[in-house]
């Protein structure tokens, strides 16, 4: 089950869309199949572009924070929350998170 608020689910779609678009450009334009090649740079480019796209879309969507009023014992308190989240993490943070996971997985694979 995916827990999201607003347009938070777009964080996953941005990664998949960038992989499809950049993979298609590399395959049709340059004849490079990024899944079959022995070079790593096409996959690095795809993950970096996905992180950049996810961060940019998340930053754009979360420019204005949502004002939520919480009533406590001392009275009403206004809390600012992001409008678009995925698993309670702001959408723009998913770009660097997935890029960091990819880098760790790549380093572990190379050291194996």
N, C-alpha and C. Protein backbone atom coordinates (compact mmCIF):
# COMPACT_ATOMS: atom_id res chain seq x y z
N UNK A 1 0.83 -1.17 0.00
CA UNK A 1 0.00 0.00 0.00
C UNK A 1 0.89 1.24 0.00
N UNK A 2 0.61 2.15 -0.88
CA UNK A 2 1.38 3.39 -0.98
C UNK A 2 0.65 4.47 -0.21
N UNK A 3 1.38 5.07 0.75
CA UNK A 3 0.82 6.16 1.54
C UNK A 3 1.36 7.46 0.99
N UNK A 4 0.48 8.31 0.52
CA UNK A 4 0.92 9.58 -0.03
C UNK A 4 -0.10 10.66 0.28
N UNK A 5 0.37 11.90 0.16
CA UNK A 5 -0.51 13.07 0.33
C UNK A 5 -0.32 13.94 -0.90
N UNK A 6 -1.41 14.42 -1.45
CA UNK A 6 -1.34 15.29 -2.62
C UNK A 6 -0.82 14.53 -3.84
N UNK A 7 0.19 15.11 -4.47
CA UNK A 7 0.80 14.50 -5.66
C UNK A 7 2.05 13.71 -5.31
N UNK A 8 2.18 13.20 -4.11
CA UNK A 8 3.38 12.51 -3.66
C UNK A 8 3.73 11.26 -4.46
N UNK A 9 2.72 10.61 -5.03
CA UNK A 9 2.99 9.41 -5.82
C UNK A 9 3.81 9.72 -7.07
N UNK A 10 3.87 10.99 -7.47
CA UNK A 10 4.66 11.36 -8.65
C UNK A 10 6.16 11.13 -8.45
N UNK A 11 6.60 10.98 -7.22
CA UNK A 11 8.02 10.71 -6.96
C UNK A 11 8.44 9.41 -7.65
N UNK A 12 7.61 8.40 -7.57
CA UNK A 12 7.93 7.12 -8.23
C UNK A 12 7.78 7.23 -9.74
N UNK A 13 6.77 7.95 -10.17
CA UNK A 13 6.52 8.08 -11.61
C UNK A 13 7.64 8.87 -12.28
N UNK A 14 8.20 9.85 -11.59
CA UNK A 14 9.30 10.64 -12.17
C UNK A 14 10.50 9.75 -12.46
N UNK A 15 10.81 8.84 -11.55
CA UNK A 15 11.94 7.92 -11.79
C UNK A 15 11.68 7.01 -12.97
N UNK A 16 10.50 6.43 -13.02
CA UNK A 16 10.18 5.51 -14.11
C UNK A 16 10.11 6.25 -15.44
N UNK A 17 9.51 7.43 -15.44
CA UNK A 17 9.39 8.20 -16.68
C UNK A 17 10.76 8.62 -17.21
N UNK A 18 11.66 9.02 -16.32
CA UNK A 18 12.99 9.41 -16.78
C UNK A 18 13.75 8.21 -17.33
N UNK A 19 13.58 7.05 -16.71
CA UNK A 19 14.25 5.84 -17.22
C UNK A 19 13.73 5.48 -18.60
N UNK A 20 12.43 5.59 -18.81
CA UNK A 20 11.85 5.25 -20.10
C UNK A 20 12.30 6.25 -21.17
N UNK A 21 12.23 7.54 -20.86
CA UNK A 21 12.57 8.56 -21.85
C UNK A 21 14.06 8.53 -22.19
N UNK A 22 14.91 8.54 -21.18
CA UNK A 22 16.35 8.56 -21.45
C UNK A 22 16.81 7.23 -22.06
N UNK A 23 16.24 6.12 -21.59
CA UNK A 23 16.57 4.83 -22.19
C UNK A 23 16.16 4.76 -23.66
N UNK A 24 15.01 5.33 -23.99
CA UNK A 24 14.57 5.35 -25.38
C UNK A 24 15.46 6.22 -26.24
N UNK A 25 15.85 7.38 -25.71
CA UNK A 25 16.75 8.27 -26.47
C UNK A 25 18.10 7.59 -26.70
N UNK A 26 18.63 6.94 -25.66
CA UNK A 26 19.91 6.25 -25.83
C UNK A 26 19.81 5.10 -26.82
N UNK A 27 18.70 4.38 -26.78
CA UNK A 27 18.55 3.22 -27.66
C UNK A 27 18.28 3.63 -29.11
N UNK A 28 17.32 4.52 -29.33
CA UNK A 28 16.96 4.89 -30.70
C UNK A 28 17.92 5.90 -31.29
N UNK A 29 18.41 6.82 -30.49
CA UNK A 29 19.28 7.87 -31.01
C UNK A 29 20.72 7.44 -31.18
N UNK A 30 21.22 6.65 -30.21
CA UNK A 30 22.63 6.29 -30.21
C UNK A 30 22.88 4.80 -30.32
N UNK A 31 21.84 3.99 -30.28
CA UNK A 31 22.00 2.55 -30.40
C UNK A 31 22.59 1.90 -29.15
N UNK A 32 22.40 2.52 -27.98
CA UNK A 32 22.94 2.00 -26.72
C UNK A 32 21.79 1.42 -25.90
N UNK A 33 21.82 0.12 -25.67
CA UNK A 33 20.84 -0.51 -24.80
C UNK A 33 21.41 -0.51 -23.39
N UNK A 34 20.85 0.33 -22.51
CA UNK A 34 21.47 0.52 -21.21
C UNK A 34 21.37 -0.70 -20.31
N UNK A 35 20.50 -1.65 -20.61
CA UNK A 35 20.43 -2.87 -19.81
C UNK A 35 21.37 -3.95 -20.33
N UNK A 36 21.75 -3.90 -21.59
CA UNK A 36 22.60 -4.94 -22.16
C UNK A 36 24.07 -4.52 -22.27
N UNK A 37 24.38 -3.25 -22.12
CA UNK A 37 25.74 -2.79 -22.27
C UNK A 37 26.59 -3.15 -21.05
N UNK A 38 27.88 -3.26 -21.25
CA UNK A 38 28.80 -3.56 -20.16
C UNK A 38 29.33 -2.30 -19.50
N UNK A 39 28.98 -1.15 -20.05
CA UNK A 39 29.39 0.12 -19.46
C UNK A 39 28.33 0.57 -18.47
N UNK A 40 28.77 1.30 -17.45
CA UNK A 40 27.86 1.73 -16.40
C UNK A 40 27.30 3.13 -16.60
N UNK A 41 27.91 3.94 -17.44
CA UNK A 41 27.51 5.35 -17.51
C UNK A 41 26.07 5.56 -17.94
N UNK A 42 25.47 4.74 -18.83
CA UNK A 42 24.06 5.01 -19.16
C UNK A 42 23.12 4.84 -17.95
N UNK A 43 23.39 3.84 -17.13
CA UNK A 43 22.56 3.63 -15.96
C UNK A 43 22.77 4.73 -14.93
N UNK A 44 24.02 5.21 -14.79
CA UNK A 44 24.30 6.33 -13.89
C UNK A 44 23.56 7.58 -14.34
N UNK A 45 23.57 7.84 -15.62
CA UNK A 45 22.88 9.02 -16.16
C UNK A 45 21.38 8.94 -15.89
N UNK A 46 20.82 7.75 -16.08
CA UNK A 46 19.38 7.58 -15.87
C UNK A 46 19.01 7.81 -14.41
N UNK A 47 19.77 7.25 -13.48
CA UNK A 47 19.45 7.45 -12.07
C UNK A 47 19.68 8.88 -11.63
N UNK A 48 20.74 9.52 -12.11
CA UNK A 48 20.98 10.92 -11.74
C UNK A 48 19.89 11.82 -12.31
N UNK A 49 19.48 11.59 -13.54
CA UNK A 49 18.41 12.39 -14.15
C UNK A 49 17.09 12.16 -13.41
N UNK A 50 16.83 10.94 -13.01
CA UNK A 50 15.62 10.66 -12.24
C UNK A 50 15.61 11.38 -10.90
N UNK A 51 16.77 11.39 -10.23
CA UNK A 51 16.87 12.11 -8.96
C UNK A 51 16.68 13.60 -9.16
N UNK A 52 17.28 14.14 -10.19
CA UNK A 52 17.16 15.57 -10.47
C UNK A 52 15.71 15.93 -10.82
N UNK A 53 15.06 15.13 -11.64
CA UNK A 53 13.68 15.39 -12.02
C UNK A 53 12.74 15.29 -10.81
N UNK A 54 12.93 14.27 -9.97
CA UNK A 54 12.09 14.11 -8.79
C UNK A 54 12.27 15.27 -7.83
N UNK A 55 13.51 15.70 -7.63
CA UNK A 55 13.76 16.84 -6.75
C UNK A 55 13.12 18.11 -7.30
N UNK A 56 13.28 18.34 -8.59
CA UNK A 56 12.75 19.57 -9.19
C UNK A 56 11.21 19.60 -9.14
N UNK A 57 10.57 18.50 -9.46
CA UNK A 57 9.10 18.44 -9.42
C UNK A 57 8.61 18.58 -7.98
N UNK A 58 9.26 17.90 -7.04
CA UNK A 58 8.87 18.00 -5.64
C UNK A 58 9.06 19.39 -5.08
N UNK A 59 10.17 20.03 -5.43
CA UNK A 59 10.42 21.40 -4.97
C UNK A 59 9.37 22.35 -5.54
N UNK A 60 9.04 22.18 -6.80
CA UNK A 60 8.04 23.03 -7.44
C UNK A 60 6.67 22.86 -6.79
N UNK A 61 6.29 21.63 -6.51
CA UNK A 61 4.96 21.38 -5.94
C UNK A 61 4.86 21.77 -4.47
N UNK A 62 5.97 21.69 -3.73
CA UNK A 62 5.95 21.99 -2.30
C UNK A 62 6.40 23.41 -1.98
N UNK A 63 6.30 24.32 -2.93
CA UNK A 63 6.68 25.71 -2.66
C UNK A 63 5.82 26.32 -1.56
N UNK A 64 4.53 26.10 -1.62
CA UNK A 64 3.61 26.63 -0.63
C UNK A 64 3.25 25.53 0.36
N UNK A 65 3.49 25.79 1.64
CA UNK A 65 3.19 24.80 2.66
C UNK A 65 1.73 24.89 3.08
N UNK A 66 1.22 23.79 3.58
CA UNK A 66 -0.16 23.68 4.02
C UNK A 66 -0.24 24.10 5.49
N UNK A 67 -1.10 25.06 5.79
CA UNK A 67 -1.29 25.51 7.17
C UNK A 67 -2.37 24.65 7.81
N UNK A 68 -2.01 24.00 8.90
CA UNK A 68 -2.95 23.15 9.62
C UNK A 68 -3.04 23.64 11.05
N UNK A 69 -4.24 23.83 11.54
CA UNK A 69 -4.44 24.32 12.90
C UNK A 69 -4.67 23.14 13.83
N UNK A 70 -3.83 23.06 14.86
CA UNK A 70 -3.93 22.00 15.86
C UNK A 70 -4.34 22.67 17.18
N UNK A 71 -5.33 22.11 17.83
CA UNK A 71 -5.80 22.67 19.09
C UNK A 71 -5.17 21.92 20.25
N UNK A 72 -4.36 22.63 21.02
CA UNK A 72 -3.71 22.06 22.19
C UNK A 72 -4.28 22.70 23.44
N UNK A 73 -3.75 22.35 24.60
CA UNK A 73 -4.24 22.90 25.86
C UNK A 73 -4.05 24.41 25.93
N UNK A 74 -2.99 24.91 25.33
CA UNK A 74 -2.70 26.34 25.39
C UNK A 74 -3.48 27.14 24.37
N UNK A 75 -4.12 26.48 23.43
CA UNK A 75 -4.89 27.17 22.41
C UNK A 75 -4.54 26.67 21.03
N UNK A 76 -5.07 27.30 20.00
CA UNK A 76 -4.79 26.85 18.63
C UNK A 76 -3.35 27.17 18.23
N UNK A 77 -2.71 26.20 17.57
CA UNK A 77 -1.36 26.35 17.08
C UNK A 77 -1.37 26.05 15.57
N UNK A 78 -0.78 26.93 14.79
CA UNK A 78 -0.70 26.72 13.35
C UNK A 78 0.58 25.97 13.02
N UNK A 79 0.44 24.84 12.32
CA UNK A 79 1.57 23.99 11.93
C UNK A 79 1.67 24.02 10.42
N UNK A 80 2.88 24.22 9.90
CA UNK A 80 3.10 24.19 8.45
C UNK A 80 3.56 22.81 8.04
N UNK A 81 2.85 22.21 7.09
CA UNK A 81 3.18 20.87 6.61
C UNK A 81 3.31 20.91 5.10
N UNK A 82 4.14 20.01 4.54
CA UNK A 82 4.23 19.95 3.08
C UNK A 82 2.95 19.38 2.49
N UNK A 83 2.61 19.85 1.31
CA UNK A 83 1.38 19.41 0.65
C UNK A 83 1.53 18.04 -0.01
N UNK A 84 2.72 17.71 -0.47
CA UNK A 84 2.92 16.50 -1.27
C UNK A 84 4.01 15.64 -0.63
N UNK A 85 3.60 14.47 -0.11
CA UNK A 85 4.53 13.56 0.55
C UNK A 85 4.31 12.14 0.06
N UNK A 86 5.33 11.33 0.21
CA UNK A 86 5.25 9.90 -0.06
C UNK A 86 5.84 9.19 1.15
N UNK A 87 5.05 8.36 1.81
CA UNK A 87 5.44 7.72 3.07
C UNK A 87 5.91 8.76 4.09
N UNK A 88 5.21 9.85 4.19
CA UNK A 88 5.44 10.92 5.15
C UNK A 88 6.78 11.64 4.96
N UNK A 89 7.42 11.47 3.81
CA UNK A 89 8.66 12.16 3.47
C UNK A 89 8.33 13.11 2.32
N UNK A 90 8.83 14.35 2.44
CA UNK A 90 8.56 15.33 1.39
C UNK A 90 8.99 14.80 0.03
N UNK A 91 8.24 15.15 -0.98
CA UNK A 91 8.46 14.61 -2.32
C UNK A 91 9.84 14.93 -2.86
N UNK A 92 10.36 16.13 -2.61
CA UNK A 92 11.66 16.50 -3.16
C UNK A 92 12.81 15.74 -2.52
N UNK A 93 12.59 15.15 -1.35
CA UNK A 93 13.66 14.39 -0.70
C UNK A 93 13.82 13.00 -1.29
N UNK A 94 12.83 12.50 -2.02
CA UNK A 94 12.92 11.17 -2.58
C UNK A 94 13.97 11.06 -3.69
N UNK A 95 14.24 12.15 -4.39
CA UNK A 95 15.29 12.12 -5.41
C UNK A 95 16.65 11.76 -4.82
N UNK A 96 17.15 12.51 -3.84
CA UNK A 96 18.43 12.15 -3.22
C UNK A 96 18.40 10.82 -2.47
N UNK A 97 17.25 10.45 -1.89
CA UNK A 97 17.18 9.18 -1.16
C UNK A 97 17.38 8.01 -2.11
N UNK A 98 16.67 8.00 -3.22
CA UNK A 98 16.80 6.89 -4.16
C UNK A 98 18.17 6.90 -4.83
N UNK A 99 18.73 8.09 -5.09
CA UNK A 99 20.08 8.17 -5.65
C UNK A 99 21.11 7.61 -4.66
N UNK A 100 20.95 7.91 -3.38
CA UNK A 100 21.87 7.37 -2.36
C UNK A 100 21.76 5.85 -2.27
N UNK A 101 20.55 5.32 -2.34
CA UNK A 101 20.36 3.86 -2.33
C UNK A 101 21.02 3.24 -3.55
N UNK A 102 20.89 3.87 -4.70
CA UNK A 102 21.53 3.36 -5.91
C UNK A 102 23.04 3.37 -5.78
N UNK A 103 23.61 4.45 -5.25
CA UNK A 103 25.07 4.55 -5.10
C UNK A 103 25.58 3.48 -4.14
N UNK A 104 24.90 3.28 -3.02
CA UNK A 104 25.31 2.24 -2.07
C UNK A 104 25.23 0.86 -2.72
N UNK A 105 24.16 0.59 -3.44
CA UNK A 105 24.03 -0.71 -4.11
C UNK A 105 25.10 -0.91 -5.16
N UNK A 106 25.44 0.15 -5.89
CA UNK A 106 26.48 0.06 -6.91
C UNK A 106 27.85 -0.20 -6.28
N UNK A 107 28.16 0.49 -5.19
CA UNK A 107 29.45 0.30 -4.52
C UNK A 107 29.54 -1.11 -3.95
N UNK A 108 28.46 -1.60 -3.33
CA UNK A 108 28.47 -2.96 -2.80
C UNK A 108 28.65 -3.96 -3.94
N UNK A 109 28.01 -3.73 -5.07
CA UNK A 109 28.17 -4.62 -6.21
C UNK A 109 29.60 -4.61 -6.74
N UNK A 110 30.22 -3.44 -6.78
CA UNK A 110 31.59 -3.34 -7.29
C UNK A 110 32.60 -3.96 -6.34
N UNK A 111 32.35 -3.91 -5.04
CA UNK A 111 33.26 -4.50 -4.07
C UNK A 111 33.10 -6.00 -3.94
N UNK A 112 32.06 -6.53 -4.47
CA UNK A 112 31.78 -7.97 -4.38
C UNK A 112 32.69 -8.74 -5.27
